[in-house]
């Protein structure tokens, strides 16, 4: 469960970084040359960090897949099928 929460946290961080980059791009248009360079540098750093986080998430997902046993994978498939079946059945009338 901790791995899932950490991955969600990283996804939120990536989203925040992208939102910051968008705001930074708007600020570039409205600021002077010296500030434009600072903002560009910050955007580059944020983008680099976002790429590193994405690679880290992919690596952890690959490790999870590699370390998961066949029985665990079958159990996950059964749980997913049950959840899908529950969602697809219409509600019963009383």
PDB file of N, CA and C in Angstrom:
ATOM      1  N   UNK A   1       0.825  -1.190   0.000  1.00  0.00           N
ATOM      2  CA  UNK A   1       0.000   0.000   0.000  1.00  0.00           C
ATOM      3  C   UNK A   1       0.866   1.250   0.000  1.00  0.00           C
ATOM      4  N   UNK A   2       2.023   1.210   0.673  1.00  0.00           N
ATOM      5  CA  UNK A   2       2.893   2.365   0.726  1.00  0.00           C
ATOM      6  C   UNK A   2       3.438   2.696  -0.655  1.00  0.00           C
ATOM      7  N   UNK A   3       3.755   1.653  -1.453  1.00  0.00           N
ATOM      8  CA  UNK A   3       4.261   1.883  -2.803  1.00  0.00           C
ATOM      9  C   UNK A   3       3.227   2.627  -3.636  1.00  0.00           C
ATOM     10  N   UNK A   4       1.951   2.244  -3.489  1.00  0.00           N
ATOM     11  CA  UNK A   4       0.894   2.888  -4.264  1.00  0.00           C
ATOM     12  C   UNK A   4       0.780   4.348  -3.865  1.00  0.00           C
ATOM     13  N   UNK A   5       0.801   4.622  -2.561  1.00  0.00           N
ATOM     14  CA  UNK A   5       0.697   5.995  -2.091  1.00  0.00           C
ATOM     15  C   UNK A   5       1.872   6.828  -2.561  1.00  0.00           C
ATOM     16  N   UNK A   6       3.067   6.241  -2.564  1.00  0.00           N
ATOM     17  CA  UNK A   6       4.257   6.962  -3.010  1.00  0.00           C
ATOM     18  C   UNK A   6       4.152   7.271  -4.499  1.00  0.00           C
ATOM     19  N   UNK A   7       3.663   6.326  -5.291  1.00  0.00           N
ATOM     20  CA  UNK A   7       3.508   6.549  -6.724  1.00  0.00           C
ATOM     21  C   UNK A   7       2.489   7.645  -6.989  1.00  0.00           C
ATOM     22  N   UNK A   8       1.396   7.649  -6.233  1.00  0.00           N
ATOM     23  CA  UNK A   8       0.380   8.687  -6.395  1.00  0.00           C
ATOM     24  C   UNK A   8       0.977  10.036  -6.029  1.00  0.00           C
ATOM     25  N   UNK A   9       1.762  10.054  -4.974  1.00  0.00           N
ATOM     26  CA  UNK A   9       2.414  11.298  -4.568  1.00  0.00           C
ATOM     27  C   UNK A   9       3.357  11.811  -5.637  1.00  0.00           C
ATOM     28  N   UNK A  10       4.073  10.900  -6.278  1.00  0.00           N
ATOM     29  CA  UNK A  10       4.974  11.307  -7.352  1.00  0.00           C
ATOM     30  C   UNK A  10       4.185  11.810  -8.548  1.00  0.00           C
ATOM     31  N   UNK A  11       3.060  11.191  -8.833  1.00  0.00           N
ATOM     32  CA  UNK A  11       2.230  11.645  -9.948  1.00  0.00           C
ATOM     33  C   UNK A  11       1.702  13.047  -9.676  1.00  0.00           C
ATOM     34  N   UNK A  12       1.316  13.306  -8.435  1.00  0.00           N
ATOM     35  CA  UNK A  12       0.852  14.639  -8.059  1.00  0.00           C
ATOM     36  C   UNK A  12       1.993  15.641  -8.208  1.00  0.00           C
ATOM     37  N   UNK A  13       3.192  15.227  -7.811  1.00  0.00           N
ATOM     38  CA  UNK A  13       4.354  16.111  -7.929  1.00  0.00           C
ATOM     39  C   UNK A  13       4.634  16.441  -9.397  1.00  0.00           C
ATOM     40  N   UNK A  14       4.518  15.451 -10.264  1.00  0.00           N
ATOM     41  CA  UNK A  14       4.727  15.684 -11.695  1.00  0.00           C
ATOM     42  C   UNK A  14       3.670  16.652 -12.224  1.00  0.00           C
ATOM     43  N   UNK A  15       2.431  16.447 -11.827  1.00  0.00           N
ATOM     44  CA  UNK A  15       1.361  17.353 -12.246  1.00  0.00           C
ATOM     45  C   UNK A  15       1.600  18.766 -11.760  1.00  0.00           C
ATOM     46  N   UNK A  16       2.063  18.883 -10.526  1.00  0.00           N
ATOM     47  CA  UNK A  16       2.372  20.208  -9.980  1.00  0.00           C
ATOM     48  C   UNK A  16       3.519  20.850 -10.745  1.00  0.00           C
ATOM     49  N   UNK A  17       4.504  20.048 -11.091  1.00  0.00           N
ATOM     50  CA  UNK A  17       5.639  20.566 -11.856  1.00  0.00           C
ATOM     51  C   UNK A  17       5.178  21.083 -13.219  1.00  0.00           C
ATOM     52  N   UNK A  18       4.301  20.338 -13.860  1.00  0.00           N
ATOM     53  CA  UNK A  18       3.799  20.766 -15.163  1.00  0.00           C
ATOM     54  C   UNK A  18       2.961  22.039 -15.044  1.00  0.00           C
ATOM     55  N   UNK A  19       2.157  22.128 -13.987  1.00  0.00           N
ATOM     56  CA  UNK A  19       1.376  23.344 -13.777  1.00  0.00           C
ATOM     57  C   UNK A  19       2.308  24.525 -13.520  1.00  0.00           C
ATOM     58  N   UNK A  20       3.353  24.293 -12.752  1.00  0.00           N
ATOM     59  CA  UNK A  20       4.344  25.341 -12.494  1.00  0.00           C
ATOM     60  C   UNK A  20       5.040  25.771 -13.773  1.00  0.00           C
ATOM     61  N   UNK A  21       5.316  24.800 -14.631  1.00  0.00           N
ATOM     62  CA  UNK A  21       5.953  25.123 -15.907  1.00  0.00           C
ATOM     63  C   UNK A  21       5.036  25.997 -16.760  1.00  0.00           C
ATOM     64  N   UNK A  22       3.749  25.709 -16.756  1.00  0.00           N
ATOM     65  CA  UNK A  22       2.793  26.511 -17.523  1.00  0.00           C
ATOM     66  C   UNK A  22       2.725  27.935 -16.978  1.00  0.00           C
ATOM     67  N   UNK A  23       2.683  28.057 -15.664  1.00  0.00           N
ATOM     68  CA  UNK A  23       2.680  29.395 -15.065  1.00  0.00           C
ATOM     69  C   UNK A  23       3.987  30.121 -15.353  1.00  0.00           C
ATOM     70  N   UNK A  24       5.068  29.382 -15.336  1.00  0.00           N
ATOM     71  CA  UNK A  24       6.366  29.971 -15.644  1.00  0.00           C
ATOM     72  C   UNK A  24       6.420  30.481 -17.072  1.00  0.00           C
ATOM     73  N   UNK A  25       5.840  29.728 -17.982  1.00  0.00           N
ATOM     74  CA  UNK A  25       5.814  30.157 -19.378  1.00  0.00           C
ATOM     75  C   UNK A  25       5.048  31.462 -19.529  1.00  0.00           C
ATOM     76  N   UNK A  26       3.955  31.607 -18.803  1.00  0.00           N
ATOM     77  CA  UNK A  26       3.189  32.852 -18.846  1.00  0.00           C
ATOM     78  C   UNK A  26       4.006  33.996 -18.253  1.00  0.00           C
ATOM     79  N   UNK A  27       4.752  33.706 -17.213  1.00  0.00           N
ATOM     80  CA  UNK A  27       5.567  34.738 -16.582  1.00  0.00           C
ATOM     81  C   UNK A  27       6.693  35.200 -17.503  1.00  0.00           C
ATOM     82  N   UNK A  28       7.206  34.298 -18.327  1.00  0.00           N
ATOM     83  CA  UNK A  28       8.270  34.660 -19.270  1.00  0.00           C
ATOM     84  C   UNK A  28       7.797  35.766 -20.197  1.00  0.00           C
ATOM     85  N   UNK A  29       6.590  35.653 -20.649  1.00  0.00           N
ATOM     86  CA  UNK A  29       6.037  36.644 -21.567  1.00  0.00           C
ATOM     87  C   UNK A  29       5.921  38.009 -20.882  1.00  0.00           C
ATOM     88  N   UNK A  30       5.615  38.006 -19.600  1.00  0.00           N
ATOM     89  CA  UNK A  30       5.325  39.252 -18.894  1.00  0.00           C
ATOM     90  C   UNK A  30       6.523  39.874 -18.175  1.00  0.00           C
ATOM     91  N   UNK A  31       7.667  39.234 -18.177  1.00  0.00           N
ATOM     92  CA  UNK A  31       8.797  39.738 -17.396  1.00  0.00           C
ATOM     93  C   UNK A  31       9.925  40.253 -18.288  1.00  0.00           C
ATOM     94  N   UNK A  32      10.928  40.851 -17.644  1.00  0.00           N
ATOM     95  CA  UNK A  32      12.053  41.363 -18.410  1.00  0.00           C
ATOM     96  C   UNK A  32      13.056  40.250 -18.720  1.00  0.00           C
ATOM     97  N   UNK A  33      14.109  40.576 -19.489  1.00  0.00           N
ATOM     98  CA  UNK A  33      15.068  39.567 -19.973  1.00  0.00           C
ATOM     99  C   UNK A  33      15.752  38.814 -18.839  1.00  0.00           C
ATOM    100  N   UNK A  34      16.183  39.523 -17.800  1.00  0.00           N
ATOM    101  CA  UNK A  34      16.909  38.871 -16.708  1.00  0.00           C
ATOM    102  C   UNK A  34      16.021  37.833 -16.023  1.00  0.00           C
ATOM    103  N   UNK A  35      14.771  38.200 -15.788  1.00  0.00           N
ATOM    104  CA  UNK A  35      13.832  37.269 -15.166  1.00  0.00           C
ATOM    105  C   UNK A  35      13.470  36.127 -16.112  1.00  0.00           C
ATOM    106  N   UNK A  36      13.428  36.413 -17.404  1.00  0.00           N
ATOM    107  CA  UNK A  36      13.130  35.364 -18.374  1.00  0.00           C
ATOM    108  C   UNK A  36      14.167  34.246 -18.292  1.00  0.00           C
ATOM    109  N   UNK A  37      15.428  34.617 -18.179  1.00  0.00           N
ATOM    110  CA  UNK A  37      16.494  33.610 -18.080  1.00  0.00           C
ATOM    111  C   UNK A  37      16.354  32.783 -16.799  1.00  0.00           C
ATOM    112  N   UNK A  38      16.034  33.448 -15.697  1.00  0.00           N
ATOM    113  CA  UNK A  38      15.847  32.726 -14.434  1.00  0.00           C
ATOM    114  C   UNK A  38      14.678  31.754 -14.548  1.00  0.00           C
ATOM    115  N   UNK A  39      13.598  32.212 -15.158  1.00  0.00           N
ATOM    116  CA  UNK A  39      12.400  31.381 -15.290  1.00  0.00           C
ATOM    117  C   UNK A  39      12.677  30.201 -16.217  1.00  0.00           C
ATOM    118  N   UNK A  40      13.376  30.441 -17.316  1.00  0.00           N
ATOM    119  CA  UNK A  40      13.722  29.351 -18.228  1.00  0.00           C
ATOM    120  C   UNK A  40      14.564  28.294 -17.522  1.00  0.00           C
ATOM    121  N   UNK A  41      15.514  28.752 -16.715  1.00  0.00           N
ATOM    122  CA  UNK A  41      16.375  27.817 -15.975  1.00  0.00           C
ATOM    123  C   UNK A  41      15.536  26.980 -14.998  1.00  0.00           C
ATOM    124  N   UNK A  42      14.615  27.645 -14.310  1.00  0.00           N
ATOM    125  CA  UNK A  42      13.748  26.949 -13.354  1.00  0.00           C
ATOM    126  C   UNK A  42      12.861  25.925 -14.064  1.00  0.00           C
ATOM    127  N   UNK A  43      12.309  26.312 -15.208  1.00  0.00           N
ATOM    128  CA  UNK A  43      11.456  25.396 -15.975  1.00  0.00           C
ATOM    129  C   UNK A  43      12.263  24.181 -16.433  1.00  0.00           C
ATOM    130  N   UNK A  44      13.492  24.416 -16.877  1.00  0.00           N
ATOM    131  CA  UNK A  44      14.346  23.301 -17.295  1.00  0.00           C
ATOM    132  C   UNK A  44      14.616  22.356 -16.136  1.00  0.00           C
ATOM    133  N   UNK A  45      14.875  22.925 -14.948  1.00  0.00           N
ATOM    134  CA  UNK A  45      15.130  22.086 -13.768  1.00  0.00           C
ATOM    135  C   UNK A  45      13.889  21.277 -13.398  1.00  0.00           C
ATOM    136  N   UNK A  46      12.730  21.923 -13.435  1.00  0.00           N
ATOM    137  CA  UNK A  46      11.480  21.234 -13.097  1.00  0.00           C
ATOM    138  C   UNK A  46      11.202  20.119 -14.101  1.00  0.00           C
ATOM    139  N   UNK A  47      11.417  20.407 -15.375  1.00  0.00           N
ATOM    140  CA  UNK A  47      11.195  19.391 -16.411  1.00  0.00           C
ATOM    141  C   UNK A  47      12.136  18.211 -16.209  1.00  0.00           C
ATOM    142  N   UNK A  48      13.386  18.522 -15.882  1.00  0.00           N
ATOM    143  CA  UNK A  48      14.365  17.454 -15.645  1.00  0.00           C
ATOM    144  C   UNK A  48      13.929  16.593 -14.458  1.00  0.00           C
ATOM    145  N   UNK A  49      13.474  17.243 -13.389  1.00  0.00           N
ATOM    146  CA  UNK A  49      13.002  16.508 -12.208  1.00  0.00           C
ATOM    147  C   UNK A  49      11.788  15.645 -12.546  1.00  0.00           C
ATOM    148  N   UNK A  50      10.876  16.173 -13.379  1.00  0.00           N
ATOM    149  CA  UNK A  50       9.689  15.413 -13.762  1.00  0.00           C
ATOM    150  C   UNK A  50      10.074  14.172 -14.556  1.00  0.00           C
ATOM    151  N   UNK A  51      11.054  14.304 -15.439  1.00  0.00           N
ATOM    152  CA  UNK A  51      11.520  13.150 -16.217  1.00  0.00           C
ATOM    153  C   UNK A  51      12.137  12.110 -15.288  1.00  0.00           C
ATOM    154  N   UNK A  52      12.940  12.565 -14.320  1.00  0.00           N
ATOM    155  CA  UNK A  52      13.548  11.636 -13.362  1.00  0.00           C
ATOM    156  C   UNK A  52      12.477  10.898 -12.568  1.00  0.00           C
ATOM    157  N   UNK A  53      11.427  11.626 -12.145  1.00  0.00           N
ATOM    158  CA  UNK A  53      10.346  10.982 -11.395  1.00  0.00           C
ATOM    159  C   UNK A  53       9.619   9.954 -12.257  1.00  0.00           C
ATOM    160  N   UNK A  54       9.380  10.296 -13.511  1.00  0.00           N
ATOM    161  CA  UNK A  54       8.715   9.366 -14.418  1.00  0.00           C
ATOM    162  C   UNK A  54       9.522   8.095 -14.610  1.00  0.00           C
ATOM    163  N   UNK A  55      10.826   8.240 -14.776  1.00  0.00           N
ATOM    164  CA  UNK A  55      11.701   7.074 -14.929  1.00  0.00           C
ATOM    165  C   UNK A  55      11.698   6.236 -13.658  1.00  0.00           C
ATOM    166  N   UNK A  56      11.680   6.907 -12.507  1.00  0.00           N
ATOM    167  CA  UNK A  56      11.662   6.199 -11.225  1.00  0.00           C
ATOM    168  C   UNK A  56      10.367   5.405 -11.068  1.00  0.00           C
ATOM    169  N   UNK A  57       9.243   6.005 -11.442  1.00  0.00           N
ATOM    170  CA  UNK A  57       7.954   5.311 -11.367  1.00  0.00           C
ATOM    171  C   UNK A  57       7.962   4.091 -12.281  1.00  0.00           C
ATOM    172  N   UNK A  58       8.482   4.253 -13.499  1.00  0.00           N
ATOM    173  CA  UNK A  58       8.539   3.138 -14.442  1.00  0.00           C
ATOM    174  C   UNK A  58       9.433   2.021 -13.902  1.00  0.00           C
ATOM    175  N   UNK A  59      10.572   2.398 -13.328  1.00  0.00           N
ATOM    176  CA  UNK A  59      11.496   1.399 -12.776  1.00  0.00           C
ATOM    177  C   UNK A  59      10.825   0.616 -11.647  1.00  0.00           C
ATOM    178  N   UNK A  60      10.108   1.328 -10.777  1.00  0.00           N
ATOM    179  CA  UNK A  60       9.438   0.651  -9.662  1.00  0.00           C
ATOM    180  C   UNK A  60       8.322  -0.265 -10.155  1.00  0.00           C
ATOM    181  N   UNK A  61       7.617   0.156 -11.186  1.00  0.00           N
ATOM    182  CA  UNK A  61       6.570  -0.697 -11.750  1.00  0.00           C
ATOM    183  C   UNK A  61       7.183  -1.947 -12.364  1.00  0.00           C
ATOM    184  N   UNK A  62       8.311  -1.788 -13.048  1.00  0.00           N
ATOM    185  CA  UNK A  62       8.998  -2.940 -13.628  1.00  0.00           C
ATOM    186  C   UNK A  62       9.497  -3.894 -12.545  1.00  0.00           C
ATOM    187  N   UNK A  63      10.036  -3.336 -11.455  1.00  0.00           N
ATOM    188  CA  UNK A  63      10.499  -4.169 -10.339  1.00  0.00           C
ATOM    189  C   UNK A  63       9.328  -4.936  -9.723  1.00  0.00           C
ATOM    190  N   UNK A  64       8.202  -4.267  -9.565  1.00  0.00           N
ATOM    191  CA  UNK A  64       7.022  -4.907  -8.998  1.00  0.00           C
ATOM    192  C   UNK A  64       6.583  -6.066  -9.885  1.00  0.00           C
ATOM    193  N   UNK A  65       6.543  -5.815 -11.192  1.00  0.00           N
ATOM    194  CA  UNK A  65       6.125  -6.858 -12.128  1.00  0.00           C
ATOM    195  C   UNK A  65       7.087  -8.037 -12.076  1.00  0.00           C
ATOM    196  N   UNK A  66       8.368  -7.750 -12.010  1.00  0.00           N
ATOM    197  CA  UNK A  66       9.382  -8.806 -11.991  1.00  0.00           C
ATOM    198  C   UNK A  66       9.309  -9.617 -10.701  1.00  0.00           C
ATOM    199  N   UNK A  67       9.036  -8.955  -9.580  1.00  0.00           N
ATOM    200  CA  UNK A  67       9.042  -9.620  -8.276  1.00  0.00           C
ATOM    201  C   UNK A  67       7.718 -10.277  -7.909  1.00  0.00           C
ATOM    202  N   UNK A  68       6.698 -10.046  -8.698  1.00  0.00           N
ATOM    203  CA  UNK A  68       5.397 -10.624  -8.407  1.00  0.00           C
ATOM    204  C   UNK A  68       5.358 -12.064  -8.904  1.00  0.00           C
ATOM    205  N   UNK A  69       4.894 -12.954  -8.036  1.00  0.00           N
ATOM    206  CA  UNK A  69       4.833 -14.367  -8.411  1.00  0.00           C
ATOM    207  C   UNK A  69       3.616 -14.631  -9.284  1.00  0.00           C
ATOM    208  N   UNK A  70       3.615 -15.793  -9.904  1.00  0.00           N
ATOM    209  CA  UNK A  70       2.506 -16.173 -10.776  1.00  0.00           C
ATOM    210  C   UNK A  70       1.195 -16.227  -9.995  1.00  0.00           C
ATOM    211  N   UNK A  71       1.226 -16.764  -8.774  1.00  0.00           N
ATOM    212  CA  UNK A  71       0.013 -16.851  -7.949  1.00  0.00           C
ATOM    213  C   UNK A  71      -0.528 -15.469  -7.611  1.00  0.00           C
ATOM    214  N   UNK A  72       0.370 -14.539  -7.321  1.00  0.00           N
ATOM    215  CA  UNK A  72      -0.069 -13.186  -7.006  1.00  0.00           C
ATOM    216  C   UNK A  72      -0.722 -12.546  -8.224  1.00  0.00           C
ATOM    217  N   UNK A  73      -0.154 -12.778  -9.391  1.00  0.00           N
ATOM    218  CA  UNK A  73      -0.722 -12.214 -10.615  1.00  0.00           C
ATOM    219  C   UNK A  73      -2.106 -12.787 -10.875  1.00  0.00           C
ATOM    220  N   UNK A  74      -2.277 -14.103 -10.642  1.00  0.00           N
ATOM    221  CA  UNK A  74      -3.585 -14.727 -10.840  1.00  0.00           C
ATOM    222  C   UNK A  74      -4.601 -14.163  -9.845  1.00  0.00           C
ATOM    223  N   UNK A  75      -4.168 -13.936  -8.608  1.00  0.00           N
ATOM    224  CA  UNK A  75      -5.049 -13.362  -7.599  1.00  0.00           C
ATOM    225  C   UNK A  75      -5.489 -11.963  -8.007  1.00  0.00           C
ATOM    226  N   UNK A  76      -4.554 -11.170  -8.502  1.00  0.00           N
ATOM    227  CA  UNK A  76      -4.882  -9.814  -8.944  1.00  0.00           C
ATOM    228  C   UNK A  76      -5.890  -9.874 -10.090  1.00  0.00           C
ATOM    229  N   UNK A  77      -5.685 -10.798 -11.031  1.00  0.00           N
ATOM    230  CA  UNK A  77      -6.610 -10.930 -12.158  1.00  0.00           C
ATOM    231  C   UNK A  77      -8.012 -11.286 -11.673  1.00  0.00           C
ATOM    232  N   UNK A  78      -8.117 -12.194 -10.688  1.00  0.00           N
ATOM    233  CA  UNK A  78      -9.414 -12.591 -10.149  1.00  0.00           C
ATOM    234  C   UNK A  78     -10.107 -11.401  -9.492  1.00  0.00           C
ATOM    235  N   UNK A  79      -9.365 -10.625  -8.725  1.00  0.00           N
ATOM    236  CA  UNK A  79      -9.946  -9.469  -8.040  1.00  0.00           C
ATOM    237  C   UNK A  79     -10.439  -8.451  -9.058  1.00  0.00           C
ATOM    238  N   UNK A  80      -9.655  -8.236 -10.112  1.00  0.00           N
ATOM    239  CA  UNK A  80     -10.048  -7.285 -11.148  1.00  0.00           C
ATOM    240  C   UNK A  80     -11.305  -7.768 -11.862  1.00  0.00           C
ATOM    241  N   UNK A  81     -11.374  -9.069 -12.160  1.00  0.00           N
ATOM    242  CA  UNK A  81     -12.562  -9.617 -12.819  1.00  0.00           C
ATOM    243  C   UNK A  81     -13.797  -9.462 -11.937  1.00  0.00           C
ATOM    244  N   UNK A  82     -13.649  -9.734 -10.624  1.00  0.00           N
ATOM    245  CA  UNK A  82     -14.780  -9.589  -9.708  1.00  0.00           C
ATOM    246  C   UNK A  82     -15.251  -8.140  -9.659  1.00  0.00           C
ATOM    247  N   UNK A  83     -14.315  -7.218  -9.602  1.00  0.00           N
ATOM    248  CA  UNK A  83     -14.668  -5.798  -9.549  1.00  0.00           C
ATOM    249  C   UNK A  83     -15.364  -5.377 -10.835  1.00  0.00           C
ATOM    250  N   UNK A  84     -14.886  -5.869 -11.960  1.00  0.00           N
ATOM    251  CA  UNK A  84     -15.500  -5.536 -13.246  1.00  0.00           C
ATOM    252  C   UNK A  84     -16.909  -6.135 -13.329  1.00  0.00           C
ATOM    253  N   UNK A  85     -17.083  -7.348 -12.813  1.00  0.00           N
ATOM    254  CA  UNK A  85     -18.395  -7.993 -12.835  1.00  0.00           C
ATOM    255  C   UNK A  85     -19.389  -7.226 -11.966  1.00  0.00           C
ATOM    256  N   UNK A  86     -18.934  -6.745 -10.829  1.00  0.00           N
ATOM    257  CA  UNK A  86     -19.816  -5.976  -9.948  1.00  0.00           C
ATOM    258  C   UNK A  86     -20.248  -4.679 -10.606  1.00  0.00           C
ATOM    259  N   UNK A  87     -19.361  -4.040 -11.325  1.00  0.00           N
ATOM    260  CA  UNK A  87     -19.689  -2.779 -11.973  1.00  0.00           C
ATOM    261  C   UNK A  87     -20.643  -2.988 -13.148  1.00  0.00           C
ATOM    262  N   UNK A  88     -20.519  -4.123 -13.832  1.00  0.00           N
ATOM    263  CA  UNK A  88     -21.311  -4.327 -15.040  1.00  0.00           C
ATOM    264  C   UNK A  88     -22.702  -4.894 -14.771  1.00  0.00           C
ATOM    265  N   UNK A  89     -22.963  -5.393 -13.573  1.00  0.00           N
ATOM    266  CA  UNK A  89     -24.296  -5.940 -13.272  1.00  0.00           C
ATOM    267  C   UNK A  89     -25.249  -4.813 -12.925  1.00  0.00           C
ATOM    268  N   UNK A  90     -26.459  -4.862 -13.497  1.00  0.00           N
ATOM    269  CA  UNK A  90     -27.443  -3.810 -13.200  1.00  0.00           C
ATOM    270  C   UNK A  90     -27.974  -3.977 -11.780  1.00  0.00           C
ATOM    271  N   UNK A  91     -28.398  -2.887 -11.162  1.00  0.00           N
ATOM    272  CA  UNK A  91     -28.930  -2.982  -9.794  1.00  0.00           C
ATOM    273  C   UNK A  91     -30.233  -3.788  -9.789  1.00  0.00           C
ATOM    274  N   UNK A  92     -30.448  -4.528  -8.731  1.00  0.00           N
ATOM    275  CA  UNK A  92     -31.651  -5.342  -8.610  1.00  0.00           C
ATOM    276  C   UNK A  92     -32.795  -4.492  -8.083  1.00  0.00           C
ATOM    277  N   UNK A  93     -34.022  -4.863  -8.536  1.00  0.00           N
ATOM    278  CA  UNK A  93     -35.214  -4.161  -8.054  1.00  0.00           C
ATOM    279  C   UNK A  93     -35.683  -4.796  -6.772  1.00  0.00           C
ATOM    280  N   UNK A  94     -36.195  -3.974  -5.871  1.00  0.00           N
ATOM    281  CA  UNK A  94     -36.685  -4.495  -4.582  1.00  0.00           C
ATOM    282  C   UNK A  94     -38.156  -4.743  -4.627  1.00  0.00           C
TER     283      UNK A  94
END
